[in-house]
C-alpha atoms as a PDB file:
ATOM      1  CA  MET A   1       5.335   9.562   6.760  1.00  0.00           C
ATOM      2  CA  GLU A   2       2.040   8.641   8.159  1.00  0.00           C
ATOM      3  CA  ILE A   3      -0.662   6.304   6.879  1.00  0.00           C
ATOM      4  CA  LYS A   4      -3.970   7.074   8.993  1.00  0.00           C
ATOM      5  CA  ASN A   5      -5.429   3.645   8.380  1.00  0.00           C
ATOM      6  CA  ILE A   6      -3.114   0.853   7.461  1.00  0.00           C
ATOM      7  CA  LEU A   7      -4.807  -1.742   5.438  1.00  0.00           C
ATOM      8  CA  PRO A   8      -3.649  -5.285   5.599  1.00  0.00           C
ATOM      9  CA  VAL A   9      -1.767  -7.097   2.806  1.00  0.00           C
ATOM     10  CA  GLY A  10      -4.383  -8.712   0.540  1.00  0.00           C
ATOM     11  CA  THR A  11      -6.876  -5.768   0.536  1.00  0.00           C
ATOM     12  CA  VAL A  12      -8.208  -4.831  -2.809  1.00  0.00           C
ATOM     13  CA  VAL A  13      -8.810  -1.465  -3.541  1.00  0.00           C
ATOM     14  CA  LEU A  14     -10.100   0.746  -6.522  1.00  0.00           C
ATOM     15  CA  LEU A  15      -7.757   3.822  -7.068  1.00  0.00           C
ATOM     16  CA  LYS A  16      -9.363   7.169  -7.738  1.00  0.00           C
ATOM     17  CA  GLU A  17      -7.602   7.889 -11.140  1.00  0.00           C
ATOM     18  CA  HIS A  18      -7.314   4.421 -12.555  1.00  0.00           C
ATOM     19  CA  ASP A  19     -10.188   1.877 -13.564  1.00  0.00           C
ATOM     20  CA  ILE A  20      -8.438  -1.139 -12.033  1.00  0.00           C
ATOM     21  CA  LYS A  21      -8.597  -3.035  -8.967  1.00  0.00           C
ATOM     22  CA  VAL A  22      -5.260  -3.206  -6.919  1.00  0.00           C
ATOM     23  CA  MET A  23      -4.304  -5.652  -4.265  1.00  0.00           C
ATOM     24  CA  ILE A  24      -1.942  -4.378  -1.405  1.00  0.00           C
ATOM     25  CA  CYS A  25       1.199  -6.423  -1.261  1.00  0.00           C
ATOM     26  CA  GLY A  26       3.371  -4.207   0.804  1.00  0.00           C
ATOM     27  CA  TYR A  27       4.138  -0.856   2.557  1.00  0.00           C
ATOM     28  CA  CYS A  28       6.469   2.206   2.052  1.00  0.00           C
ATOM     29  CA  GLN A  29       7.381   1.552  -1.533  1.00  0.00           C
ATOM     30  CA  THR A  30      10.457   3.364  -2.579  1.00  0.00           C
ATOM     31  CA  SER A  31      12.386   3.925  -5.710  1.00  0.00           C
ATOM     32  CA  ASP A  32      15.969   5.137  -6.770  1.00  0.00           C
ATOM     33  CA  ASP A  33      13.914   7.929  -8.616  1.00  0.00           C
ATOM     34  CA  TRP A  34      12.245   9.374  -5.639  1.00  0.00           C
ATOM     35  CA  ASP A  35      13.449  10.875  -2.493  1.00  0.00           C
ATOM     36  CA  TYR A  36      10.133   9.873  -0.544  1.00  0.00           C
ATOM     37  CA  ALA A  37       8.126   6.655   0.026  1.00  0.00           C
ATOM     38  CA  MET A  38       4.661   5.924  -1.402  1.00  0.00           C
ATOM     39  CA  ASP A  39       2.267   4.526   1.404  1.00  0.00           C
ATOM     40  CA  TYR A  40       1.412   1.217  -0.652  1.00  0.00           C
ATOM     41  CA  SER A  41       2.679  -1.062  -3.341  1.00  0.00           C
ATOM     42  CA  GLY A  42       0.066  -3.124  -5.117  1.00  0.00           C
ATOM     43  CA  LEU A  43      -0.478  -5.741  -7.870  1.00  0.00           C
ATOM     44  CA  PRO A  44      -3.121  -5.512 -10.426  1.00  0.00           C
ATOM     45  CA  PHE A  45      -6.177  -7.661  -9.454  1.00  0.00           C
ATOM     46  CA  PRO A  46      -6.945 -10.435 -10.298  1.00  0.00           C
ATOM     47  CA  VAL A  47      -3.874 -10.880 -12.219  1.00  0.00           C
ATOM     48  CA  GLY A  48      -1.178 -10.424  -9.423  1.00  0.00           C
ATOM     49  CA  TYR A  49       2.589 -10.356  -9.906  1.00  0.00           C
ATOM     50  CA  TYR A  50       3.688 -10.616 -13.402  1.00  0.00           C
ATOM     51  CA  GLY A  51       6.888  -8.565 -13.265  1.00  0.00           C
ATOM     52  CA  GLU A  52       8.708  -5.915 -11.282  1.00  0.00           C
ATOM     53  CA  ASP A  53       7.600  -3.176 -13.661  1.00  0.00           C
ATOM     54  CA  LYS A  54       4.052  -4.067 -12.917  1.00  0.00           C
ATOM     55  CA  ILE A  55       4.032  -3.142  -9.160  1.00  0.00           C
ATOM     56  CA  ILE A  56       1.726  -0.073  -8.695  1.00  0.00           C
ATOM     57  CA  PRO A  57       2.995   2.350  -5.897  1.00  0.00           C
ATOM     58  CA  PHE A  58       0.196   4.570  -4.511  1.00  0.00           C
ATOM     59  CA  ASN A  59      -0.763   6.407  -1.488  1.00  0.00           C
ATOM     60  CA  GLU A  60      -3.629   6.436   0.834  1.00  0.00           C
ATOM     61  CA  ASP A  61      -5.374   9.543  -0.601  1.00  0.00           C
ATOM     62  CA  GLN A  62      -5.696   7.770  -3.953  1.00  0.00           C
ATOM     63  CA  ILE A  63      -7.908   5.053  -2.835  1.00  0.00           C
ATOM     64  CA  ASP A  64     -11.352   5.549  -3.914  1.00  0.00           C
ATOM     65  CA  ARG A  65     -12.843   2.619  -2.178  1.00  0.00           C
ATOM     66  CA  ILE A  66     -12.121  -0.735  -0.462  1.00  0.00           C
ATOM     67  CA  VAL A  67     -13.477  -3.695  -2.636  1.00  0.00           C
ATOM     68  CA  ALA A  68     -12.284  -6.428  -0.163  1.00  0.00           C
ATOM     69  CA  MET A  69     -10.464  -6.390   3.017  1.00  0.00           C
ATOM     70  CA  GLY A  70      -7.179  -8.479   3.465  1.00  0.00           C
ATOM     71  CA  LEU A  71      -6.900 -10.842   6.670  1.00  0.00           C
ATOM     72  CA  GLU A  72      -6.785  -9.095  10.135  1.00  0.00           C
ATOM     73  CA  ASP A  73      -5.752 -11.047  13.051  1.00  0.00           C
ATOM     74  CA  ASP A  74      -3.308 -10.660  15.980  1.00  0.00           C
ATOM     75  CA  GLU A  75      -0.259 -11.263  13.693  1.00  0.00           C
ATOM     76  CA  GLU A  76      -1.103  -8.657  11.487  1.00  0.00           C
ATOM     77  CA  GLN A  77      -1.968  -6.184  14.184  1.00  0.00           C
ATOM     78  CA  GLU A  78       1.398  -6.611  15.750  1.00  0.00           C
ATOM     79  CA  PHE A  79       2.995  -6.144  12.517  1.00  0.00           C
ATOM     80  CA  VAL A  80       0.957  -2.824  12.014  1.00  0.00           C
ATOM     81  CA  ASP A  81       2.025  -1.580  15.410  1.00  0.00           C
ATOM     82  CA  LYS A  82       5.721  -2.045  14.630  1.00  0.00           C
ATOM     83  CA  LEU A  83       5.320  -0.385  11.193  1.00  0.00           C
ATOM     84  CA  LYS A  84       3.594   2.687  12.644  1.00  0.00           C
ATOM     85  CA  LYS A  85       6.721   3.090  14.635  1.00  0.00           C
ATOM     86  CA  VAL A  86       9.232   2.653  11.729  1.00  0.00           C
ATOM     87  CA  ILE A  87       7.348   4.774   9.040  1.00  0.00           C
ATOM     88  CA  LYS A  88       7.148   7.977  11.180  1.00  0.00           C
ATOM     89  CA  ASP A  89      10.903   8.820  10.385  1.00  0.00           C
ATOM     90  CA  ILE A  90      10.229   8.318   6.505  1.00  0.00           C
ATOM     91  CA  PRO A  91      10.193  11.661   4.539  1.00  0.00           C
ATOM     92  CA  GLU A  92       6.845  12.359   3.198  1.00  0.00           C
ATOM     93  CA  ARG A  93       6.277  13.303  -0.454  1.00  0.00           C
ATOM     94  CA  SER A  94       6.406  17.110  -1.024  1.00  0.00           C
END
Protein backbone atom coordinates (compact mmCIF):
# COMPACT_ATOMS: atom_id res chain seq x y z
CA MET A 1 0.00 0.00 0.00
CA GLU A 2 1.19 3.50 -0.75
CA ILE A 3 -0.35 6.88 -0.04
CA LYS A 4 1.61 9.42 -2.09
CA ASN A 5 0.61 12.52 -0.11
CA ILE A 6 -0.51 11.61 3.41
CA LEU A 7 -2.95 14.26 4.57
CA PRO A 8 -3.18 15.07 8.29
CA VAL A 9 -6.10 14.08 10.50
CA GLY A 10 -8.66 16.86 10.48
CA THR A 11 -8.22 17.62 6.78
CA VAL A 12 -11.56 18.15 5.05
CA VAL A 13 -11.82 16.87 1.48
CA LEU A 14 -14.48 16.71 -1.20
CA LEU A 15 -14.76 13.27 -2.76
CA LYS A 16 -15.14 12.88 -6.54
CA GLU A 17 -18.22 10.67 -6.58
CA HIS A 18 -20.03 12.18 -3.61
CA ASP A 19 -21.45 15.59 -2.95
CA ILE A 20 -20.33 15.63 0.67
CA LYS A 21 -17.36 16.92 2.58
CA VAL A 22 -15.41 14.34 4.58
CA MET A 23 -13.00 14.98 7.45
CA ILE A 24 -10.08 12.56 7.66
CA CYS A 25 -10.11 10.74 11.00
CA GLY A 26 -7.75 7.85 10.36
CA TYR A 27 -5.59 5.81 8.01
CA CYS A 28 -5.54 2.28 6.59
CA GLN A 29 -9.24 1.55 7.07
CA THR A 30 -9.87 -2.19 7.04
CA SER A 31 -12.92 -4.41 7.22
CA ASP A 32 -13.62 -8.08 7.77
CA ASP A 33 -15.29 -7.96 4.33
CA TRP A 34 -12.08 -6.90 2.49
CA ASP A 35 -8.61 -8.36 2.09
CA TYR A 36 -7.05 -4.91 1.68
CA ALA A 37 -7.03 -1.52 3.38
CA MET A 38 -8.45 1.77 2.16
CA ASP A 39 -6.09 4.76 2.43
CA TYR A 40 -8.29 6.85 4.75
CA SER A 41 -11.28 6.73 7.00
CA GLY A 42 -13.40 9.83 7.27
CA LEU A 43 -16.42 11.35 8.92
CA PRO A 44 -19.15 13.42 7.31
CA PHE A 45 -18.39 17.11 7.73
CA PRO A 46 -19.63 19.06 9.65
CA VAL A 47 -21.61 16.37 11.49
CA GLY A 48 -18.66 14.22 12.61
CA TYR A 49 -19.00 10.85 14.31
CA TYR A 50 -22.52 9.59 14.88
CA GLY A 51 -22.10 5.85 14.55
CA GLU A 52 -19.64 3.24 13.39
CA ASP A 53 -21.68 2.62 10.26
CA LYS A 54 -21.21 6.27 9.21
CA ILE A 55 -17.42 6.04 8.87
CA ILE A 56 -16.48 6.57 5.22
CA PRO A 57 -13.52 4.57 3.86
CA PHE A 58 -11.85 6.09 0.78
CA ASN A 59 -8.65 6.11 -1.22
CA GLU A 60 -6.38 8.98 -2.20
CA ASP A 61 -7.49 8.79 -5.84
CA GLN A 62 -11.11 9.46 -4.81
CA ILE A 63 -10.27 12.94 -3.49
CA ASP A 64 -11.50 15.70 -5.79
CA ARG A 65 -10.06 18.57 -3.78
CA ILE A 66 -8.85 19.62 -0.36
CA VAL A 67 -11.26 22.03 1.35
CA ALA A 68 -9.21 22.64 4.52
CA MET A 69 -5.94 21.18 5.79
CA GLY A 70 -5.60 19.60 9.21
CA LEU A 71 -2.84 20.54 11.63
CA GLU A 72 0.70 19.88 10.44
CA ASP A 73 3.43 20.10 13.07
CA ASP A 74 6.52 18.18 14.19
CA GLU A 75 4.47 15.54 16.01
CA GLU A 76 2.28 14.95 12.96
CA GLN A 77 5.36 14.70 10.70
CA GLU A 78 6.94 12.14 13.02
CA PHE A 79 3.73 10.10 12.87
CA VAL A 80 3.64 10.31 9.04
CA ASP A 81 7.23 9.06 8.83
CA LYS A 82 6.32 6.03 10.97
CA LEU A 83 3.09 5.45 9.04
CA LYS A 84 4.96 5.33 5.71
CA LYS A 85 7.14 2.51 7.05
CA VAL A 86 4.16 0.50 8.32
CA ILE A 87 1.82 0.84 5.33
CA LYS A 88 4.31 -0.39 2.74
CA ASP A 89 3.56 -3.98 3.91
CA ILE A 90 -0.24 -3.66 3.67
CA PRO A 91 -1.81 -5.27 0.56
CA GLU A 92 -3.12 -2.86 -2.11
CA ARG A 93 -6.66 -3.07 -3.40
CA SER A 94 -6.71 -5.13 -6.61
